[in-house]
C-alpha atoms as a PDB file:
ATOM      1  CA  MET A   1     194.696 -11.866 -19.522  1.00  0.00           C
ATOM      2  CA  ALA A   2     196.369 -13.710 -22.422  1.00  0.00           C
ATOM      3  CA  GLU A   3     193.593 -12.418 -24.738  1.00  0.00           C
ATOM      4  CA  ALA A   4     194.310  -8.868 -23.717  1.00  0.00           C
ATOM      5  CA  LYS A   5     197.884  -9.360 -24.710  1.00  0.00           C
ATOM      6  CA  ALA A   6     197.090 -10.912 -27.919  1.00  0.00           C
ATOM      7  CA  GLU A   7     194.748  -8.123 -28.695  1.00  0.00           C
ATOM      8  CA  LYS A   8     197.305  -5.530 -27.830  1.00  0.00           C
ATOM      9  CA  LYS A   9     199.848  -7.271 -29.922  1.00  0.00           C
ATOM     10  CA  ALA A  10     197.480  -7.342 -32.803  1.00  0.00           C
ATOM     11  CA  ALA A  11     196.573  -3.586 -32.524  1.00  0.00           C
ATOM     12  CA  ASP A  12     200.450  -2.770 -32.329  1.00  0.00           C
ATOM     13  CA  LYS A  13     201.063  -4.934 -35.568  1.00  0.00           C
ATOM     14  CA  LYS A  14     197.985  -3.132 -37.327  1.00  0.00           C
ATOM     15  CA  ALA A  15     199.355   0.444 -36.174  1.00  0.00           C
ATOM     16  CA  LEU A  16     202.960  -0.527 -37.370  1.00  0.00           C
ATOM     17  CA  ALA A  17     201.498  -1.641 -40.690  1.00  0.00           C
ATOM     18  CA  LYS A  18     199.470   1.529 -40.968  1.00  0.00           C
ATOM     19  CA  LYS A  19     202.563   3.552 -40.226  1.00  0.00           C
ATOM     20  CA  ALA A  20     204.689   1.500 -42.773  1.00  0.00           C
ATOM     21  CA  ALA A  21     202.035   2.004 -45.444  1.00  0.00           C
ATOM     22  CA  LYS A  22     202.093   5.666 -44.687  1.00  0.00           C
ATOM     23  CA  ASN A  23     205.891   6.100 -44.987  1.00  0.00           C
ATOM     24  CA  LYS A  24     206.019   4.069 -48.352  1.00  0.00           C
ATOM     25  CA  LYS A  25     207.009   5.910 -51.364  1.00  0.00           C
ATOM     26  CA  PRO A  26     204.337   6.128 -54.019  1.00  0.00           C
ATOM     27  CA  ASN A  27     204.881   4.193 -57.369  1.00  0.00           C
ATOM     28  CA  VAL A  28     207.759   5.554 -59.725  1.00  0.00           C
ATOM     29  CA  PHE A  29     204.954   6.613 -62.370  1.00  0.00           C
ATOM     30  CA  VAL A  30     202.992   8.514 -59.948  1.00  0.00           C
ATOM     31  CA  ARG A  31     206.071  10.382 -58.910  1.00  0.00           C
ATOM     32  CA  LEU A  32     207.220  10.925 -62.340  1.00  0.00           C
ATOM     33  CA  TRP A  33     203.722  12.213 -63.340  1.00  0.00           C
ATOM     34  CA  LYS A  34     203.541  14.685 -60.243  1.00  0.00           C
ATOM     35  CA  TYR A  35     206.999  15.876 -61.442  1.00  0.00           C
ATOM     36  CA  LEU A  36     205.868  16.507 -64.995  1.00  0.00           C
ATOM     37  CA  LEU A  37     202.870  18.275 -63.632  1.00  0.00           C
ATOM     38  CA  ALA A  38     205.124  20.636 -61.552  1.00  0.00           C
ATOM     39  CA  CYS A  39     207.358  21.370 -64.438  1.00  0.00           C
ATOM     40  CA  LYS A  40     204.372  22.275 -66.599  1.00  0.00           C
ATOM     41  CA  GLY A  41     203.221  24.651 -63.754  1.00  0.00           C
ATOM     42  CA  GLU A  42     206.754  26.294 -63.564  1.00  0.00           C
ATOM     43  CA  LEU A  43     206.794  26.646 -67.291  1.00  0.00           C
ATOM     44  CA  LYS A  44     203.660  28.628 -67.243  1.00  0.00           C
ATOM     45  CA  LYS A  45     205.274  31.243 -64.775  1.00  0.00           C
ATOM     46  CA  ILE A  46     208.063  32.080 -67.313  1.00  0.00           C
ATOM     47  CA  THR A  47     207.672  35.444 -69.000  1.00  0.00           C
ATOM     48  CA  TRP A  48     209.351  35.052 -72.474  1.00  0.00           C
ATOM     49  CA  PRO A  49     211.036  37.889 -74.176  1.00  0.00           C
ATOM     50  CA  SER A  50     209.098  39.559 -77.122  1.00  0.00           C
ATOM     51  CA  PRO A  51     210.273  39.022 -80.599  1.00  0.00           C
ATOM     52  CA  ALA A  52     211.478  42.661 -80.660  1.00  0.00           C
ATOM     53  CA  GLN A  53     213.504  42.278 -77.524  1.00  0.00           C
ATOM     54  CA  THR A  54     215.132  38.990 -78.726  1.00  0.00           C
ATOM     55  CA  THR A  55     216.315  40.667 -81.917  1.00  0.00           C
ATOM     56  CA  LYS A  56     217.804  43.463 -79.916  1.00  0.00           C
ATOM     57  CA  ASN A  57     219.594  41.055 -77.488  1.00  0.00           C
ATOM     58  CA  PHE A  58     220.912  39.007 -80.602  1.00  0.00           C
ATOM     59  CA  GLY A  59     222.299  42.382 -82.063  1.00  0.00           C
ATOM     60  CA  ILE A  60     223.880  43.283 -78.817  1.00  0.00           C
ATOM     61  CA  VAL A  61     225.491  39.782 -78.493  1.00  0.00           C
ATOM     62  CA  ILE A  62     226.859  39.945 -82.097  1.00  0.00           C
ATOM     63  CA  ALA A  63     228.416  43.468 -81.530  1.00  0.00           C
ATOM     64  CA  VAL A  64     230.118  42.460 -78.499  1.00  0.00           C
ATOM     65  CA  ILE A  65     231.611  39.206 -80.115  1.00  0.00           C
ATOM     66  CA  VAL A  66     232.927  41.327 -83.090  1.00  0.00           C
ATOM     67  CA  VAL A  67     234.367  43.945 -80.624  1.00  0.00           C
ATOM     68  CA  MET A  68     236.090  41.320 -78.476  1.00  0.00           C
ATOM     69  CA  GLY A  69     237.288  39.597 -81.685  1.00  0.00           C
ATOM     70  CA  LEU A  70     238.920  42.616 -82.898  1.00  0.00           C
ATOM     71  CA  LEU A  71     240.361  43.402 -79.608  1.00  0.00           C
ATOM     72  CA  ILE A  72     241.739  39.756 -79.378  1.00  0.00           C
ATOM     73  CA  PHE A  73     243.127  39.971 -82.814  1.00  0.00           C
ATOM     74  CA  GLY A  74     244.813  43.191 -82.341  1.00  0.00           C
ATOM     75  CA  LEU A  75     246.424  42.167 -79.057  1.00  0.00           C
ATOM     76  CA  ASP A  76     247.683  39.040 -80.810  1.00  0.00           C
ATOM     77  CA  GLN A  77     249.054  40.935 -83.760  1.00  0.00           C
ATOM     78  CA  GLY A  78     250.639  43.461 -81.388  1.00  0.00           C
ATOM     79  CA  LEU A  79     252.119  40.858 -79.155  1.00  0.00           C
ATOM     80  CA  TYR A  80     253.445  38.897 -82.292  1.00  0.00           C
ATOM     81  CA  ALA A  81     255.125  42.036 -83.662  1.00  0.00           C
ATOM     82  CA  LEU A  82     256.762  42.689 -80.224  1.00  0.00           C
ATOM     83  CA  LEU A  83     258.048  39.213 -79.958  1.00  0.00           C
ATOM     84  CA  GLY A  84     259.391  39.623 -83.446  1.00  0.00           C
ATOM     85  CA  LEU A  85     261.286  42.453 -82.320  1.00  0.00           C
ATOM     86  CA  ILE A  86     262.728  40.873 -79.351  1.00  0.00           C
ATOM     87  CA  MET A  87     263.748  37.934 -81.273  1.00  0.00           C
ATOM     88  CA  GLY A  88     264.989  39.588 -84.109  1.00  0.00           C
ATOM     89  CA  THR A  89     263.164  37.554 -86.503  1.00  0.00           C
ATOM     90  CA  GLY A  90     261.024  40.606 -87.767  1.00  0.00           C
ATOM     91  CA  SER A  91     261.151  41.319 -91.408  1.00  0.00           C
ATOM     92  CA  SER A  92     263.468  44.296 -92.275  1.00  0.00           C
ATOM     93  CA  VAL A  93     261.983  46.102 -95.243  1.00  0.00           C
END
């Protein structure tokens, strides 16, 4: 009877050790390697724009920047002139 308990206890210890080994995280380098492989796979899925499309988008961005710059410049000059009229510091030519 004592032998049966000892065998059961040993079997339980083995089962717990097996379960603990199963739940153990892999080495940090193994996890890093898996991560880098996953990144490589994701990079292959990307559809990159053509040079013509990139040039077109670049032109659009530059045009929007110029238009917004002119809009902000005009608004700034207008508000500065309005402030000058209100404060009476405008130049009277």
